[in-house]
Amino acid sequence: MKKDEAEVGVRYLSHVWRNQGGLEKVSSDNLNAYDFIAWLRSNQPKYLSFRDAVGSEETVERWFAQEFRQTWKY
C-alpha cells in the first residue's frame, strides 16, 4: 500500500475505532494512539504496510495526533 493511500484510510479508521470502541464521549486529549495502533494491527494491518523513513507506526501515531488535535504531545 502506498503511504498516501494509507493516510486516508488511517485517518478515517481512527474515527471508526473511536465510535466502535465506545469512546465518543472521551475527550480527544485522552485517546491513546497506541490503543488505536493495536486495534489497527488486529483489524486492518494492511494500513501499516507502507514504507516510511521513520517507520509506519510512528507515522500513523502522528496522523492520529493530527486527527484528534494531540500534536501538542509531541
N, C-alpha and C. Protein backbone atom coordinates (compact mmCIF):
# COMPACT_ATOMS: atom_id res chain seq x y z
N MET A 1 0.84 -1.17 0.00
CA MET A 1 0.00 0.00 0.00
C MET A 1 0.90 1.24 0.00
N LYS A 2 0.47 2.24 -0.74
CA LYS A 2 1.21 3.49 -0.79
C LYS A 2 0.88 4.34 0.44
N LYS A 3 1.85 5.15 0.82
CA LYS A 3 1.71 5.96 2.03
C LYS A 3 0.50 6.88 1.97
N ASP A 4 0.26 7.53 0.83
CA ASP A 4 -0.88 8.45 0.74
C ASP A 4 -2.21 7.72 0.84
N GLU A 5 -2.27 6.49 0.33
CA GLU A 5 -3.49 5.68 0.47
C GLU A 5 -3.69 5.28 1.94
N ALA A 6 -2.60 4.91 2.58
CA ALA A 6 -2.67 4.53 3.99
C ALA A 6 -3.13 5.70 4.85
N GLU A 7 -2.65 6.89 4.54
CA GLU A 7 -3.02 8.06 5.34
C GLU A 7 -4.52 8.31 5.31
N VAL A 8 -5.11 8.24 4.13
CA VAL A 8 -6.56 8.44 4.01
C VAL A 8 -7.30 7.40 4.85
N GLY A 9 -6.89 6.13 4.72
CA GLY A 9 -7.54 5.06 5.47
C GLY A 9 -7.36 5.18 6.97
N VAL A 10 -6.16 5.50 7.40
CA VAL A 10 -5.87 5.60 8.84
C VAL A 10 -6.67 6.73 9.47
N ARG A 11 -6.73 7.85 8.80
CA ARG A 11 -7.48 8.99 9.35
C ARG A 11 -8.96 8.63 9.48
N TYR A 12 -9.50 7.95 8.48
CA TYR A 12 -10.90 7.51 8.54
C TYR A 12 -11.09 6.47 9.65
N LEU A 13 -10.21 5.48 9.67
CA LEU A 13 -10.34 4.39 10.63
C LEU A 13 -10.14 4.84 12.08
N SER A 14 -9.41 5.91 12.28
CA SER A 14 -9.26 6.40 13.66
C SER A 14 -10.61 6.81 14.24
N HIS A 15 -11.48 7.34 13.40
CA HIS A 15 -12.82 7.72 13.86
C HIS A 15 -13.73 6.50 13.99
N VAL A 16 -13.55 5.52 13.10
CA VAL A 16 -14.29 4.26 13.23
C VAL A 16 -13.92 3.60 14.55
N TRP A 17 -12.62 3.53 14.84
CA TRP A 17 -12.14 2.95 16.11
C TRP A 17 -12.77 3.65 17.30
N ARG A 18 -12.79 4.97 17.26
CA ARG A 18 -13.36 5.73 18.38
C ARG A 18 -14.83 5.40 18.57
N ASN A 19 -15.59 5.34 17.49
CA ASN A 19 -17.03 5.06 17.57
C ASN A 19 -17.30 3.61 17.98
N GLN A 20 -16.59 2.66 17.39
CA GLN A 20 -16.80 1.25 17.72
C GLN A 20 -16.35 0.92 19.14
N GLY A 21 -15.38 1.65 19.62
CA GLY A 21 -14.86 1.38 20.96
C GLY A 21 -15.63 2.07 22.06
N GLY A 22 -16.71 2.76 21.69
CA GLY A 22 -17.50 3.47 22.69
C GLY A 22 -16.77 4.65 23.30
N LEU A 23 -15.90 5.26 22.53
CA LEU A 23 -15.07 6.34 23.05
C LEU A 23 -15.54 7.72 22.58
N GLU A 24 -16.77 7.80 22.09
CA GLU A 24 -17.27 9.07 21.55
C GLU A 24 -17.26 10.18 22.58
N LYS A 25 -17.52 9.84 23.83
CA LYS A 25 -17.62 10.85 24.88
C LYS A 25 -16.28 11.11 25.58
N VAL A 26 -15.28 10.33 25.23
CA VAL A 26 -13.95 10.53 25.81
C VAL A 26 -13.31 11.74 25.12
N SER A 27 -12.73 12.60 25.90
CA SER A 27 -12.06 13.78 25.34
C SER A 27 -10.98 13.35 24.35
N SER A 28 -10.85 14.09 23.27
CA SER A 28 -9.82 13.80 22.28
C SER A 28 -8.43 13.74 22.90
N ASP A 29 -8.21 14.55 23.93
CA ASP A 29 -6.92 14.57 24.61
C ASP A 29 -6.59 13.24 25.28
N ASN A 30 -7.61 12.48 25.62
CA ASN A 30 -7.41 11.23 26.36
C ASN A 30 -7.42 9.99 25.49
N LEU A 31 -7.55 10.15 24.18
CA LEU A 31 -7.49 9.00 23.29
C LEU A 31 -6.03 8.57 23.15
N ASN A 32 -5.82 7.26 23.06
CA ASN A 32 -4.47 6.72 23.07
C ASN A 32 -4.10 6.17 21.70
N ALA A 33 -3.06 6.73 21.12
CA ALA A 33 -2.61 6.31 19.79
C ALA A 33 -2.16 4.85 19.80
N TYR A 34 -1.55 4.41 20.89
CA TYR A 34 -1.07 3.03 20.95
C TYR A 34 -2.23 2.03 20.97
N ASP A 35 -3.32 2.40 21.62
CA ASP A 35 -4.51 1.55 21.59
C ASP A 35 -5.07 1.47 20.17
N PHE A 36 -5.08 2.60 19.48
CA PHE A 36 -5.55 2.62 18.10
C PHE A 36 -4.66 1.77 17.21
N ILE A 37 -3.36 1.89 17.35
CA ILE A 37 -2.44 1.11 16.52
C ILE A 37 -2.60 -0.38 16.79
N ALA A 38 -2.81 -0.77 18.03
CA ALA A 38 -3.05 -2.18 18.35
C ALA A 38 -4.34 -2.65 17.69
N TRP A 39 -5.38 -1.83 17.72
CA TRP A 39 -6.65 -2.16 17.06
C TRP A 39 -6.44 -2.27 15.56
N LEU A 40 -5.68 -1.34 15.00
CA LEU A 40 -5.41 -1.34 13.56
C LEU A 40 -4.63 -2.60 13.17
N ARG A 41 -3.64 -2.95 13.97
CA ARG A 41 -2.83 -4.15 13.71
C ARG A 41 -3.70 -5.41 13.70
N SER A 42 -4.70 -5.46 14.56
CA SER A 42 -5.59 -6.63 14.65
C SER A 42 -6.67 -6.65 13.58
N ASN A 43 -7.14 -5.47 13.17
CA ASN A 43 -8.30 -5.40 12.29
C ASN A 43 -8.01 -4.99 10.85
N GLN A 44 -7.04 -4.14 10.65
CA GLN A 44 -6.73 -3.63 9.31
C GLN A 44 -5.21 -3.50 9.14
N PRO A 45 -4.46 -4.59 9.26
CA PRO A 45 -2.99 -4.48 9.25
C PRO A 45 -2.41 -3.94 7.94
N LYS A 46 -3.17 -4.01 6.87
CA LYS A 46 -2.64 -3.51 5.59
C LYS A 46 -2.33 -2.01 5.65
N TYR A 47 -2.98 -1.29 6.56
CA TYR A 47 -2.73 0.15 6.69
C TYR A 47 -1.42 0.46 7.42
N LEU A 48 -0.73 -0.56 7.86
CA LEU A 48 0.58 -0.39 8.48
C LEU A 48 1.70 -0.89 7.57
N SER A 49 1.34 -1.25 6.34
CA SER A 49 2.31 -1.88 5.45
C SER A 49 2.85 -0.94 4.38
N PHE A 50 3.06 0.31 4.71
CA PHE A 50 3.67 1.25 3.76
C PHE A 50 5.09 1.56 4.22
N ARG A 51 5.87 2.05 3.28
CA ARG A 51 7.26 2.39 3.60
C ARG A 51 7.35 3.84 4.06
N ASP A 52 8.18 4.04 5.05
CA ASP A 52 8.39 5.39 5.56
C ASP A 52 9.74 5.43 6.27
N ALA A 53 10.43 6.53 6.16
CA ALA A 53 11.77 6.65 6.74
C ALA A 53 11.77 6.46 8.25
N VAL A 54 10.73 6.93 8.93
CA VAL A 54 10.70 6.81 10.40
C VAL A 54 9.93 5.58 10.88
N GLY A 55 9.31 4.87 9.97
CA GLY A 55 8.53 3.69 10.34
C GLY A 55 7.04 3.97 10.27
N SER A 56 6.30 3.00 9.82
CA SER A 56 4.87 3.21 9.60
C SER A 56 4.11 3.49 10.89
N GLU A 57 4.44 2.81 11.97
CA GLU A 57 3.69 3.03 13.22
C GLU A 57 3.91 4.43 13.78
N GLU A 58 5.11 4.93 13.64
CA GLU A 58 5.38 6.30 14.11
C GLU A 58 4.61 7.32 13.27
N THR A 59 4.53 7.07 11.98
CA THR A 59 3.77 7.95 11.09
C THR A 59 2.29 7.87 11.39
N VAL A 60 1.78 6.68 11.63
CA VAL A 60 0.36 6.51 12.00
C VAL A 60 0.08 7.25 13.30
N GLU A 61 0.99 7.18 14.24
CA GLU A 61 0.82 7.90 15.50
C GLU A 61 0.71 9.41 15.26
N ARG A 62 1.52 9.93 14.34
CA ARG A 62 1.48 11.36 14.01
C ARG A 62 0.15 11.73 13.37
N TRP A 63 -0.34 10.90 12.43
CA TRP A 63 -1.64 11.16 11.79
C TRP A 63 -2.76 11.14 12.83
N PHE A 64 -2.69 10.18 13.74
CA PHE A 64 -3.67 10.08 14.82
C PHE A 64 -3.66 11.37 15.65
N ALA A 65 -2.48 11.83 16.00
CA ALA A 65 -2.35 13.06 16.79
C ALA A 65 -2.93 14.26 16.04
N GLN A 66 -2.71 14.31 14.75
CA GLN A 66 -3.27 15.40 13.96
C GLN A 66 -4.79 15.32 13.90
N GLU A 67 -5.32 14.14 13.73
CA GLU A 67 -6.78 13.96 13.65
C GLU A 67 -7.47 14.40 14.93
N PHE A 68 -6.88 14.08 16.06
CA PHE A 68 -7.51 14.35 17.34
C PHE A 68 -6.87 15.54 18.08
N ARG A 69 -6.16 16.35 17.33
CA ARG A 69 -5.56 17.58 17.85
C ARG A 69 -4.71 17.33 19.11
N GLN A 70 -3.83 16.34 18.97
CA GLN A 70 -2.93 15.99 20.08
C GLN A 70 -1.48 16.30 19.75
N THR A 71 -1.26 17.10 18.73
CA THR A 71 0.12 17.35 18.31
C THR A 71 0.94 18.05 19.40
N TRP A 72 0.28 18.67 20.35
CA TRP A 72 0.98 19.30 21.47
C TRP A 72 1.74 18.28 22.32
N LYS A 73 1.36 17.00 22.18
CA LYS A 73 2.03 15.96 22.96
C LYS A 73 3.42 15.63 22.41
N TYR A 74 3.69 16.05 21.18
CA TYR A 74 4.94 15.64 20.52
C TYR A 74 5.87 16.79 20.32
